[in-house]
Amino acid sequence: MSAVLSSEVGIRRFAPEDERFVAALSREAFTPFSPQSESSTQRMVHAPRSTTLVATCDRKPVGFVVVEEHGRGLASIQAIAVAPSERARGVGQRLLTAAIRFARETGARELRLCTAQANVEALALFLKAGFRIVRRMPRFYPRGQDACELSRSI
């Protein structure tokens, strides 16, 4: 198991130079769920009401989260991913905390997300952060995996 992160992990907004990193990580993290994972993530990153935050370690990108504002007090996490070499080190928790803070600052009172039901590591992260499962969605992903929709008041 990797060592727990210290304060060298930073969170910043997406910049044009992050494009290749986000594309490669989304391809790696989301292809098991969708054959168009890279293009889908790129659409999310560049959607008008979305903001992407990037986690960095020693100034190198190691993860990202895409938050979409829906208005009327609602926001959603559209994607969250951490580089395999940085998993189980607290990067996902840092990204999730930053996404919650960002959504709250934009006026959201509720934050939602979907994740694969079989992705127990992600489910554990979200449940630990105060999310609750509001519904299960059979065969939600293009490759047929089931998903869970989660929600949290913020």
Foldseek 3Di string as FASTA:
>chain_A
DDAADDPQKDKDWDDPVCLVVLLVQQCVPPCVQAVCRSVVVVCQCPPPQKTKMFIDGVNHTFWIWIKGDDDPQEIETEDIGGHPVCPPRCPRVVRVVVNVVVSVVVRHFKYKYKDFPPPVVVVVSQVVVAKDFPDKAFLPTPVTTIMTMIMHTD
